[in-house]
Amino acid sequence: MECLLPISYLGPVAYYSAILQSEEIFIETKEHFIKQSCRNRCTIMGANGTQTLTIPKERKSSDKTLISDISISNQDNWQKSHWQSIVSAYNSSPFFEYYKDEILPFYNTKHSTLFDFNLKLSKTILELMQVEKKLNFTSKFQKECNGLDLRSSKFILKNQEEYQQVFCEKYSFIPNLSILDVLFNLGPETTSYLERQSI
């Protein structure tokens, strides 16, 4: 099955389940930026509940700008605040120590474009899961695709299998979080977990 996906910032469980369960992956490079989507935001689980992390972008009319041309705004130190949020959320998770050194460099080094930052981070996540998947890129924008078109998906799993989360004693299971939540809580089991989810 061919699957067409947007680029994402630490995409949710359903996003990575789609990557693992598809034979051929295409990342859309020719669409216009879509606000309030996984393209520049992710949701993690902290001590005070869910928290949305958003990468700020340069303020030019982004809805008319190709996703591959969106520039990251580095005026505020968003990387520092995102990393602090990730650490406070997952420092006590079983596999945070195991993976943090691979992810930390993304929050220490300035990046200019959203697409390149997300792509490198996505590839790192796949490497941590020991998944070898080739990511292809669209060369032109097409309204329809032959396979599964998830460009406008909200990536919500209806019956996501529950697993042990850091703050499970305080909150009941929270589904549809960033891939980080599964990775830091399940570690090497992440891949088989994602393959079991129904997309």
N, C-alpha and C. Protein backbone atom coordinates (compact mmCIF):
# COMPACT_ATOMS: atom_id res chain seq x y z
N MET A 1 0.84 -1.20 0.00
CA MET A 1 0.00 0.00 0.00
C MET A 1 0.88 1.26 0.00
N GLU A 2 0.51 2.20 -0.86
CA GLU A 2 1.21 3.48 -0.90
C GLU A 2 0.53 4.43 0.07
N CYS A 3 1.32 5.23 0.78
CA CYS A 3 0.77 6.16 1.77
C CYS A 3 1.38 7.54 1.56
N LEU A 4 0.51 8.56 1.50
CA LEU A 4 0.95 9.94 1.31
C LEU A 4 0.74 10.70 2.61
N LEU A 5 1.83 11.22 3.16
CA LEU A 5 1.79 11.87 4.46
C LEU A 5 2.31 13.30 4.39
N PRO A 6 1.84 14.15 5.31
CA PRO A 6 2.51 15.45 5.46
C PRO A 6 3.79 15.24 6.26
N ILE A 7 4.68 16.21 6.23
CA ILE A 7 5.83 16.16 7.14
C ILE A 7 5.28 16.45 8.54
N SER A 8 5.89 15.91 9.59
CA SER A 8 5.34 16.18 10.92
C SER A 8 6.45 16.41 11.94
N TYR A 9 6.09 17.14 12.98
CA TYR A 9 6.98 17.38 14.12
C TYR A 9 6.65 16.36 15.20
N LEU A 10 7.52 15.37 15.37
CA LEU A 10 7.31 14.31 16.37
C LEU A 10 5.88 13.81 16.31
N GLY A 11 5.48 13.37 15.10
CA GLY A 11 4.10 13.01 14.81
C GLY A 11 3.46 12.06 15.81
N PRO A 12 2.13 12.00 15.81
CA PRO A 12 1.42 11.14 16.75
C PRO A 12 1.54 9.66 16.40
N VAL A 13 1.02 8.82 17.28
CA VAL A 13 1.11 7.37 17.13
C VAL A 13 0.59 6.91 15.77
N ALA A 14 -0.57 7.43 15.35
CA ALA A 14 -1.18 6.99 14.08
C ALA A 14 -0.28 7.32 12.89
N TYR A 15 0.45 8.42 12.97
CA TYR A 15 1.36 8.83 11.89
C TYR A 15 2.44 7.77 11.69
N TYR A 16 3.07 7.37 12.78
CA TYR A 16 4.15 6.39 12.67
C TYR A 16 3.62 4.98 12.43
N SER A 17 2.40 4.71 12.88
CA SER A 17 1.77 3.42 12.55
C SER A 17 1.56 3.33 11.04
N ALA A 18 1.16 4.45 10.42
CA ALA A 18 0.96 4.48 8.97
C ALA A 18 2.27 4.23 8.24
N ILE A 19 3.36 4.81 8.73
CA ILE A 19 4.67 4.60 8.10
C ILE A 19 5.06 3.12 8.17
N LEU A 20 4.88 2.52 9.34
CA LEU A 20 5.30 1.13 9.53
C LEU A 20 4.43 0.15 8.74
N GLN A 21 3.16 0.49 8.57
CA GLN A 21 2.23 -0.45 7.95
C GLN A 21 2.06 -0.24 6.45
N SER A 22 2.79 0.71 5.88
CA SER A 22 2.69 0.98 4.44
C SER A 22 3.93 0.48 3.71
N GLU A 23 3.71 0.00 2.50
CA GLU A 23 4.84 -0.51 1.71
C GLU A 23 5.68 0.62 1.14
N GLU A 24 4.99 1.69 0.73
CA GLU A 24 5.70 2.81 0.11
C GLU A 24 5.22 4.11 0.73
N ILE A 25 6.16 4.94 1.18
CA ILE A 25 5.83 6.20 1.86
C ILE A 25 6.22 7.38 0.97
N PHE A 26 5.28 8.30 0.82
CA PHE A 26 5.58 9.57 0.16
C PHE A 26 5.29 10.71 1.13
N ILE A 27 6.24 11.64 1.23
CA ILE A 27 6.05 12.84 2.04
C ILE A 27 5.73 13.99 1.09
N GLU A 28 4.64 14.70 1.39
CA GLU A 28 4.21 15.81 0.54
C GLU A 28 5.14 17.02 0.72
N THR A 29 5.73 17.46 -0.39
CA THR A 29 6.64 18.62 -0.33
C THR A 29 6.04 19.85 -1.02
N LYS A 30 4.95 19.66 -1.76
CA LYS A 30 4.43 20.75 -2.60
C LYS A 30 3.12 21.34 -2.11
N GLU A 31 2.70 20.97 -0.91
CA GLU A 31 1.48 21.57 -0.36
C GLU A 31 1.81 22.89 0.31
N HIS A 32 0.76 23.70 0.55
CA HIS A 32 0.93 24.92 1.33
C HIS A 32 0.84 24.55 2.81
N PHE A 33 1.50 25.34 3.62
CA PHE A 33 1.50 25.09 5.06
C PHE A 33 0.08 25.11 5.61
N ILE A 34 -0.24 24.18 6.49
CA ILE A 34 -1.57 24.13 7.13
C ILE A 34 -1.40 24.39 8.62
N LYS A 35 -2.09 25.43 9.11
CA LYS A 35 -1.96 25.82 10.51
C LYS A 35 -2.57 24.77 11.44
N GLN A 36 -2.11 24.81 12.68
CA GLN A 36 -2.64 23.96 13.75
C GLN A 36 -2.71 22.49 13.34
N SER A 37 -1.61 22.01 12.80
CA SER A 37 -1.54 20.61 12.37
C SER A 37 -0.23 20.01 12.86
N CYS A 38 -0.05 18.73 12.58
CA CYS A 38 1.16 18.03 13.04
C CYS A 38 2.42 18.54 12.34
N ARG A 39 2.25 19.42 11.35
CA ARG A 39 3.41 19.92 10.61
C ARG A 39 4.37 20.72 11.50
N ASN A 40 3.83 21.41 12.50
CA ASN A 40 4.74 22.15 13.39
C ASN A 40 4.34 22.04 14.86
N ARG A 41 3.50 21.03 15.19
CA ARG A 41 3.13 20.88 16.59
C ARG A 41 2.97 19.42 16.97
N CYS A 42 3.24 19.14 18.24
CA CYS A 42 3.03 17.79 18.76
C CYS A 42 2.46 17.90 20.17
N THR A 43 1.90 16.81 20.66
CA THR A 43 1.31 16.80 22.00
C THR A 43 1.99 15.75 22.86
N ILE A 44 2.46 16.18 24.02
CA ILE A 44 3.09 15.26 24.95
C ILE A 44 2.28 15.23 26.25
N MET A 45 2.63 14.33 27.15
CA MET A 45 1.90 14.18 28.40
C MET A 45 2.79 14.58 29.56
N GLY A 46 2.44 15.66 30.26
CA GLY A 46 3.23 16.13 31.39
C GLY A 46 2.49 15.97 32.70
N ALA A 47 3.08 16.48 33.76
CA ALA A 47 2.49 16.35 35.10
C ALA A 47 1.15 17.07 35.20
N ASN A 48 0.97 18.11 34.37
CA ASN A 48 -0.28 18.87 34.41
C ASN A 48 -1.23 18.51 33.27
N GLY A 49 -1.03 17.34 32.67
CA GLY A 49 -1.89 16.91 31.57
C GLY A 49 -1.20 17.07 30.23
N THR A 50 -2.00 17.08 29.17
CA THR A 50 -1.41 17.17 27.84
C THR A 50 -0.85 18.57 27.60
N GLN A 51 0.20 18.62 26.82
CA GLN A 51 0.88 19.88 26.52
C GLN A 51 1.23 19.89 25.04
N THR A 52 0.89 20.97 24.37
CA THR A 52 1.20 21.11 22.95
C THR A 52 2.48 21.91 22.77
N LEU A 53 3.41 21.34 22.01
CA LEU A 53 4.66 22.03 21.68
C LEU A 53 4.57 22.49 20.23
N THR A 54 4.76 23.77 20.00
CA THR A 54 4.63 24.33 18.65
C THR A 54 5.93 24.99 18.21
N ILE A 55 6.41 24.62 17.03
CA ILE A 55 7.60 25.28 16.47
C ILE A 55 7.15 26.59 15.83
N PRO A 56 7.70 27.72 16.28
CA PRO A 56 7.30 29.00 15.69
C PRO A 56 7.89 29.17 14.29
N LYS A 57 7.12 29.78 13.41
CA LYS A 57 7.61 29.98 12.06
C LYS A 57 7.65 31.47 11.74
N GLU A 58 8.43 31.81 10.74
CA GLU A 58 8.49 33.21 10.30
C GLU A 58 7.10 33.65 9.85
N ARG A 59 6.76 34.91 10.09
CA ARG A 59 5.38 35.33 9.98
C ARG A 59 4.88 35.67 8.57
N LYS A 60 5.67 35.45 7.56
CA LYS A 60 5.16 35.73 6.21
C LYS A 60 3.95 34.83 5.94
N SER A 61 3.14 35.18 4.96
CA SER A 61 1.86 34.49 4.74
C SER A 61 2.08 33.00 4.47
N SER A 62 2.13 32.23 5.55
CA SER A 62 2.52 30.83 5.45
C SER A 62 1.49 29.97 4.73
N ASP A 63 0.21 30.40 4.73
CA ASP A 63 -0.80 29.60 4.03
C ASP A 63 -0.62 29.67 2.51
N LYS A 64 0.24 30.58 2.06
CA LYS A 64 0.54 30.66 0.62
C LYS A 64 1.97 30.21 0.33
N THR A 65 2.65 29.69 1.36
CA THR A 65 4.04 29.27 1.22
C THR A 65 4.12 27.75 1.19
N LEU A 66 4.94 27.22 0.28
CA LEU A 66 5.12 25.77 0.24
C LEU A 66 5.72 25.29 1.55
N ILE A 67 5.29 24.12 1.99
CA ILE A 67 5.76 23.57 3.25
C ILE A 67 7.29 23.47 3.28
N SER A 68 7.88 23.17 2.14
CA SER A 68 9.34 23.02 2.08
C SER A 68 10.07 24.35 2.20
N ASP A 69 9.32 25.47 2.08
CA ASP A 69 9.94 26.80 2.17
C ASP A 69 9.66 27.52 3.48
N ILE A 70 8.94 26.87 4.39
CA ILE A 70 8.61 27.51 5.67
C ILE A 70 9.87 27.63 6.53
N SER A 71 10.15 28.85 6.97
CA SER A 71 11.33 29.10 7.81
C SER A 71 10.95 29.07 9.29
N ILE A 72 11.83 28.52 10.09
CA ILE A 72 11.63 28.51 11.54
C ILE A 72 12.03 29.86 12.11
N SER A 73 11.22 30.39 13.02
CA SER A 73 11.59 31.62 13.71
C SER A 73 12.38 31.25 14.97
N ASN A 74 13.59 31.74 15.05
CA ASN A 74 14.44 31.44 16.21
C ASN A 74 14.60 32.65 17.13
N GLN A 75 13.63 33.57 17.08
CA GLN A 75 13.70 34.76 17.94
C GLN A 75 13.59 34.37 19.41
N ASP A 76 12.57 33.57 19.72
CA ASP A 76 12.43 33.04 21.08
C ASP A 76 13.19 31.72 21.13
N ASN A 77 13.68 31.37 22.29
CA ASN A 77 14.42 30.12 22.39
C ASN A 77 13.45 28.95 22.57
N TRP A 78 12.70 28.67 21.50
CA TRP A 78 11.68 27.61 21.58
C TRP A 78 12.32 26.25 21.82
N GLN A 79 13.55 26.05 21.30
CA GLN A 79 14.20 24.74 21.47
C GLN A 79 14.46 24.44 22.94
N LYS A 80 14.90 25.45 23.66
CA LYS A 80 15.17 25.26 25.09
C LYS A 80 13.88 24.91 25.84
N SER A 81 12.81 25.65 25.55
CA SER A 81 11.55 25.41 26.26
C SER A 81 10.93 24.06 25.88
N HIS A 82 11.06 23.66 24.60
CA HIS A 82 10.55 22.35 24.19
C HIS A 82 11.32 21.24 24.90
N TRP A 83 12.64 21.38 24.94
CA TRP A 83 13.45 20.33 25.58
C TRP A 83 13.15 20.25 27.07
N GLN A 84 13.00 21.40 27.73
CA GLN A 84 12.66 21.40 29.16
C GLN A 84 11.32 20.69 29.39
N SER A 85 10.36 20.93 28.50
CA SER A 85 9.06 20.28 28.62
C SER A 85 9.17 18.77 28.43
N ILE A 86 9.98 18.37 27.45
CA ILE A 86 10.18 16.94 27.17
C ILE A 86 10.85 16.25 28.37
N VAL A 87 11.87 16.91 28.92
CA VAL A 87 12.59 16.34 30.07
C VAL A 87 11.66 16.21 31.27
N SER A 88 10.90 17.27 31.58
CA SER A 88 10.03 17.21 32.75
C SER A 88 8.91 16.18 32.56
N ALA A 89 8.49 15.97 31.31
CA ALA A 89 7.44 15.00 31.04
C ALA A 89 7.94 13.56 31.11
N TYR A 90 9.17 13.32 30.63
CA TYR A 90 9.60 11.93 30.41
C TYR A 90 10.88 11.52 31.15
N ASN A 91 11.40 12.39 31.98
CA ASN A 91 12.63 12.08 32.71
C ASN A 91 12.52 10.78 33.51
N SER A 92 11.33 10.50 34.03
CA SER A 92 11.16 9.30 34.85
C SER A 92 10.61 8.11 34.05
N SER A 93 10.50 8.26 32.73
CA SER A 93 10.01 7.15 31.91
C SER A 93 11.11 6.09 31.76
N PRO A 94 10.73 4.84 31.50
CA PRO A 94 11.72 3.75 31.49
C PRO A 94 12.86 3.92 30.49
N PHE A 95 12.60 4.58 29.34
CA PHE A 95 13.62 4.58 28.28
C PHE A 95 14.13 5.97 27.90
N PHE A 96 13.82 6.98 28.73
CA PHE A 96 14.28 8.33 28.42
C PHE A 96 15.81 8.40 28.36
N GLU A 97 16.46 7.84 29.36
CA GLU A 97 17.93 7.86 29.41
C GLU A 97 18.54 7.15 28.19
N TYR A 98 17.82 6.15 27.72
CA TYR A 98 18.30 5.30 26.63
C TYR A 98 18.32 6.06 25.29
N TYR A 99 17.36 6.97 25.11
CA TYR A 99 17.21 7.63 23.80
C TYR A 99 17.56 9.12 23.78
N LYS A 100 17.67 9.74 24.95
CA LYS A 100 17.75 11.21 24.99
C LYS A 100 18.94 11.79 24.23
N ASP A 101 20.08 11.08 24.25
CA ASP A 101 21.28 11.62 23.61
C ASP A 101 21.15 11.72 22.09
N GLU A 102 20.24 10.95 21.52
CA GLU A 102 20.01 11.02 20.06
C GLU A 102 19.08 12.17 19.71
N ILE A 103 18.22 12.55 20.65
CA ILE A 103 17.20 13.57 20.37
C ILE A 103 17.65 14.96 20.80
N LEU A 104 18.45 15.03 21.85
CA LEU A 104 18.92 16.32 22.37
C LEU A 104 19.57 17.24 21.33
N PRO A 105 20.40 16.72 20.40
CA PRO A 105 21.04 17.62 19.42
C PRO A 105 20.05 18.46 18.62
N PHE A 106 18.82 17.99 18.45
CA PHE A 106 17.82 18.77 17.70
C PHE A 106 17.41 20.02 18.47
N TYR A 107 17.71 20.04 19.76
CA TYR A 107 17.33 21.18 20.60
C TYR A 107 18.53 22.02 21.02
N ASN A 108 19.69 21.64 20.49
CA ASN A 108 20.92 22.39 20.76
C ASN A 108 21.41 23.17 19.55
N THR A 109 20.92 22.79 18.37
CA THR A 109 21.42 23.36 17.12
C THR A 109 20.31 24.09 16.40
N LYS A 110 20.60 25.29 15.93
CA LYS A 110 19.59 26.07 15.19
C LYS A 110 19.35 25.46 13.81
N HIS A 111 18.09 25.44 13.41
CA HIS A 111 17.72 24.96 12.08
C HIS A 111 16.95 26.05 11.37
N SER A 112 17.10 26.14 10.06
CA SER A 112 16.46 27.25 9.35
C SER A 112 15.09 26.89 8.79
N THR A 113 14.92 25.69 8.22
CA THR A 113 13.61 25.37 7.63
C THR A 113 12.91 24.25 8.39
N LEU A 114 11.61 24.39 8.51
CA LEU A 114 10.77 23.44 9.24
C LEU A 114 10.83 22.05 8.62
N PHE A 115 10.78 21.99 7.30
CA PHE A 115 10.75 20.70 6.61
C PHE A 115 12.01 19.89 6.90
N ASP A 116 13.16 20.53 6.77
CA ASP A 116 14.43 19.82 6.98
C ASP A 116 14.59 19.38 8.43
N PHE A 117 14.20 20.25 9.35
CA PHE A 117 14.27 19.90 10.77
C PHE A 117 13.40 18.68 11.06
N ASN A 118 12.14 18.72 10.61
CA ASN A 118 11.22 17.61 10.85
C ASN A 118 11.68 16.32 10.19
N LEU A 119 12.22 16.45 8.98
CA LEU A 119 12.66 15.26 8.24
C LEU A 119 13.81 14.57 8.97
N LYS A 120 14.79 15.35 9.39
CA LYS A 120 15.93 14.76 10.10
C LYS A 120 15.49 14.12 11.42
N LEU A 121 14.57 14.79 12.11
CA LEU A 121 14.07 14.27 13.37
C LEU A 121 13.27 12.98 13.15
N SER A 122 12.45 12.96 12.10
CA SER A 122 11.67 11.76 11.76
C SER A 122 12.58 10.58 11.45
N LYS A 123 13.64 10.84 10.69
CA LYS A 123 14.58 9.77 10.36
C LYS A 123 15.28 9.25 11.60
N THR A 124 15.59 10.14 12.53
CA THR A 124 16.22 9.73 13.79
C THR A 124 15.27 8.85 14.60
N ILE A 125 13.99 9.24 14.66
CA ILE A 125 12.99 8.43 15.38
C ILE A 125 12.91 7.03 14.78
N LEU A 126 12.88 6.95 13.45
CA LEU A 126 12.83 5.63 12.79
C LEU A 126 14.08 4.81 13.09
N GLU A 127 15.22 5.47 13.13
CA GLU A 127 16.47 4.76 13.47
C GLU A 127 16.42 4.22 14.89
N LEU A 128 15.88 5.02 15.82
CA LEU A 128 15.78 4.58 17.21
C LEU A 128 14.85 3.37 17.33
N MET A 129 13.86 3.31 16.43
CA MET A 129 12.95 2.16 16.43
C MET A 129 13.51 1.00 15.61
N GLN A 130 14.70 1.22 15.03
CA GLN A 130 15.37 0.22 14.18
C GLN A 130 14.47 -0.17 13.00
N VAL A 131 13.85 0.85 12.42
CA VAL A 131 12.97 0.66 11.26
C VAL A 131 13.67 1.21 10.03
N GLU A 132 13.77 0.40 9.00
CA GLU A 132 14.36 0.85 7.74
C GLU A 132 13.24 1.08 6.73
N LYS A 133 12.87 2.31 6.57
CA LYS A 133 11.83 2.68 5.61
C LYS A 133 12.35 3.81 4.75
N LYS A 134 12.22 3.67 3.46
CA LYS A 134 12.63 4.75 2.56
C LYS A 134 11.50 5.78 2.51
N LEU A 135 11.85 7.04 2.73
CA LEU A 135 10.88 8.11 2.62
C LEU A 135 11.05 8.77 1.26
N ASN A 136 10.02 8.67 0.43
CA ASN A 136 10.03 9.30 -0.90
C ASN A 136 9.37 10.68 -0.79
N PHE A 137 9.59 11.51 -1.80
CA PHE A 137 9.04 12.86 -1.77
C PHE A 137 8.26 13.16 -3.05
N THR A 138 7.17 13.88 -2.88
CA THR A 138 6.37 14.25 -4.06
C THR A 138 7.13 15.30 -4.87
N SER A 139 6.97 15.23 -6.19
CA SER A 139 7.64 16.20 -7.06
C SER A 139 6.67 17.28 -7.55
N LYS A 140 5.38 17.03 -7.42
CA LYS A 140 4.37 18.04 -7.74
C LYS A 140 3.12 17.77 -6.91
N PHE A 141 2.30 18.80 -6.75
CA PHE A 141 1.10 18.63 -5.92
C PHE A 141 -0.01 18.00 -6.74
N GLN A 142 -0.61 16.94 -6.19
CA GLN A 142 -1.76 16.30 -6.82
C GLN A 142 -2.88 16.21 -5.80
N LYS A 143 -4.11 16.55 -6.26
CA LYS A 143 -5.24 16.54 -5.32
C LYS A 143 -5.55 15.14 -4.83
N GLU A 144 -5.32 14.16 -5.68
CA GLU A 144 -5.63 12.78 -5.29
C GLU A 144 -4.39 11.91 -5.44
N CYS A 145 -4.36 10.83 -4.65
CA CYS A 145 -3.25 9.89 -4.79
C CYS A 145 -3.81 8.48 -4.91
N ASN A 146 -2.99 7.55 -5.38
CA ASN A 146 -3.45 6.19 -5.64
C ASN A 146 -3.67 5.37 -4.37
N GLY A 147 -2.96 5.73 -3.31
CA GLY A 147 -3.05 4.93 -2.10
C GLY A 147 -3.81 5.64 -1.00
N LEU A 148 -3.26 5.56 0.20
CA LEU A 148 -3.87 6.16 1.38
C LEU A 148 -3.39 7.61 1.50
N ASP A 149 -4.33 8.56 1.37
CA ASP A 149 -3.98 9.98 1.44
C ASP A 149 -4.27 10.50 2.85
N LEU A 150 -3.20 10.73 3.61
CA LEU A 150 -3.36 11.17 5.00
C LEU A 150 -2.93 12.62 5.20
N ARG A 151 -2.86 13.38 4.12
CA ARG A 151 -2.40 14.76 4.24
C ARG A 151 -3.30 15.62 5.11
N SER A 152 -4.60 15.34 5.09
CA SER A 152 -5.51 16.16 5.90
C SER A 152 -6.01 15.40 7.13
N SER A 153 -5.36 14.29 7.44
CA SER A 153 -5.78 13.47 8.59
C SER A 153 -5.47 14.18 9.91
N LYS A 154 -6.33 13.94 10.91
CA LYS A 154 -6.07 14.43 12.27
C LYS A 154 -5.25 13.39 13.06
N PHE A 155 -5.04 12.22 12.46
CA PHE A 155 -4.24 11.14 13.07
C PHE A 155 -4.77 10.74 14.45
N ILE A 156 -6.08 10.49 14.50
CA ILE A 156 -6.70 10.05 15.74
C ILE A 156 -7.04 8.56 15.64
N LEU A 157 -6.45 7.78 16.53
CA LEU A 157 -6.77 6.35 16.59
C LEU A 157 -7.97 6.16 17.51
N LYS A 158 -8.99 5.45 17.00
CA LYS A 158 -10.21 5.28 17.80
C LYS A 158 -10.03 4.27 18.93
N ASN A 159 -9.35 3.18 18.65
CA ASN A 159 -9.20 2.13 19.66
C ASN A 159 -7.73 1.85 19.94
N GLN A 160 -7.02 2.90 20.31
CA GLN A 160 -5.59 2.72 20.55
C GLN A 160 -5.36 1.82 21.77
N GLU A 161 -4.48 0.86 21.58
CA GLU A 161 -4.12 -0.06 22.67
C GLU A 161 -3.43 0.71 23.79
N GLU A 162 -3.88 0.49 25.02
CA GLU A 162 -3.31 1.21 26.16
C GLU A 162 -1.95 0.64 26.55
N TYR A 163 -1.10 1.51 27.07
CA TYR A 163 0.20 1.09 27.62
C TYR A 163 0.46 1.95 28.85
N GLN A 164 1.48 1.61 29.61
CA GLN A 164 1.81 2.32 30.85
C GLN A 164 2.41 3.67 30.53
N GLN A 165 1.76 4.75 30.95
CA GLN A 165 2.28 6.09 30.75
C GLN A 165 2.83 6.63 32.07
N VAL A 166 3.68 7.65 31.98
CA VAL A 166 4.38 8.16 33.16
C VAL A 166 3.42 8.59 34.26
N PHE A 167 2.37 9.32 33.90
CA PHE A 167 1.47 9.87 34.91
C PHE A 167 0.15 9.10 34.97
N CYS A 168 0.22 7.77 34.75
CA CYS A 168 -1.01 6.96 34.68
C CYS A 168 -1.74 6.90 36.02
N GLU A 169 -1.04 7.12 37.13
CA GLU A 169 -1.72 7.10 38.42
C GLU A 169 -2.53 8.37 38.63
N LYS A 170 -2.13 9.42 37.96
CA LYS A 170 -2.82 10.71 38.08
C LYS A 170 -3.93 10.86 37.04
N TYR A 171 -3.67 10.33 35.84
CA TYR A 171 -4.63 10.45 34.73
C TYR A 171 -4.90 9.06 34.16
N SER A 172 -6.07 8.90 33.58
CA SER A 172 -6.30 7.66 32.84
C SER A 172 -5.51 7.74 31.53
N PHE A 173 -5.49 6.65 30.79
CA PHE A 173 -4.68 6.59 29.56
C PHE A 173 -5.06 7.70 28.58
N ILE A 174 -4.05 8.40 28.09
CA ILE A 174 -4.26 9.47 27.10
C ILE A 174 -3.78 8.97 25.74
N PRO A 175 -4.69 8.81 24.77
CA PRO A 175 -4.29 8.32 23.44
C PRO A 175 -3.81 9.44 22.53
N ASN A 176 -3.28 9.06 21.38
CA ASN A 176 -2.95 9.98 20.28
C ASN A 176 -1.90 11.03 20.63
N LEU A 177 -0.94 10.64 21.47
CA LEU A 177 0.14 11.57 21.79
C LEU A 177 1.28 11.42 20.79
N SER A 178 2.29 12.26 20.95
CA SER A 178 3.49 12.20 20.10
C SER A 178 4.16 10.84 20.21
N ILE A 179 4.86 10.48 19.16
CA ILE A 179 5.65 9.24 19.14
C ILE A 179 6.60 9.16 20.33
N LEU A 180 7.03 10.31 20.85
CA LEU A 180 7.93 10.31 22.01
C LEU A 180 7.32 9.58 23.20
N ASP A 181 6.00 9.72 23.38
CA ASP A 181 5.35 9.10 24.53
C ASP A 181 5.49 7.58 24.47
N VAL A 182 5.29 7.01 23.29
CA VAL A 182 5.41 5.56 23.13
C VAL A 182 6.88 5.15 23.24
N LEU A 183 7.73 5.89 22.57
CA LEU A 183 9.16 5.54 22.54
C LEU A 183 9.77 5.53 23.94
N PHE A 184 9.49 6.57 24.72
CA PHE A 184 10.09 6.66 26.06
C PHE A 184 9.47 5.68 27.04
N ASN A 185 8.22 5.27 26.78
CA ASN A 185 7.55 4.34 27.69
C ASN A 185 7.72 2.87 27.30
N LEU A 186 7.79 2.60 26.00
CA LEU A 186 7.86 1.21 25.55
C LEU A 186 9.23 0.79 25.02
N GLY A 187 10.05 1.77 24.66
CA GLY A 187 11.40 1.44 24.20
C GLY A 187 11.40 0.51 22.99
N PRO A 188 12.14 -0.60 23.06
CA PRO A 188 12.27 -1.51 21.91
C PRO A 188 10.95 -2.14 21.47
N GLU A 189 9.92 -2.06 22.33
CA GLU A 189 8.62 -2.63 21.95
C GLU A 189 7.81 -1.68 21.07
N THR A 190 8.30 -0.46 20.88
CA THR A 190 7.55 0.56 20.13
C THR A 190 7.14 0.08 18.74
N THR A 191 8.07 -0.54 18.02
CA THR A 191 7.80 -0.96 16.65
C THR A 191 6.65 -1.95 16.57
N SER A 192 6.71 -3.00 17.39
CA SER A 192 5.64 -4.00 17.34
C SER A 192 4.31 -3.40 17.82
N TYR A 193 4.39 -2.46 18.76
CA TYR A 193 3.17 -1.76 19.23
C TYR A 193 2.51 -1.01 18.07
N LEU A 194 3.31 -0.25 17.32
CA LEU A 194 2.77 0.55 16.20
C LEU A 194 2.20 -0.34 15.11
N GLU A 195 2.82 -1.48 14.89
CA GLU A 195 2.34 -2.40 13.86
C GLU A 195 0.99 -3.01 14.21
N ARG A 196 0.66 -3.03 15.50
CA ARG A 196 -0.62 -3.62 15.95
C ARG A 196 -1.79 -2.64 15.89
N GLN A 197 -1.50 -1.35 15.79
CA GLN A 197 -2.57 -0.37 15.82
C GLN A 197 -3.32 -0.32 14.49
N SER A 198 -4.63 -0.17 14.58
CA SER A 198 -5.45 -0.13 13.37
C SER A 198 -5.57 1.29 12.84
N ILE A 199 -5.03 1.52 11.64
CA ILE A 199 -5.11 2.87 11.05
C ILE A 199 -6.23 2.95 10.03
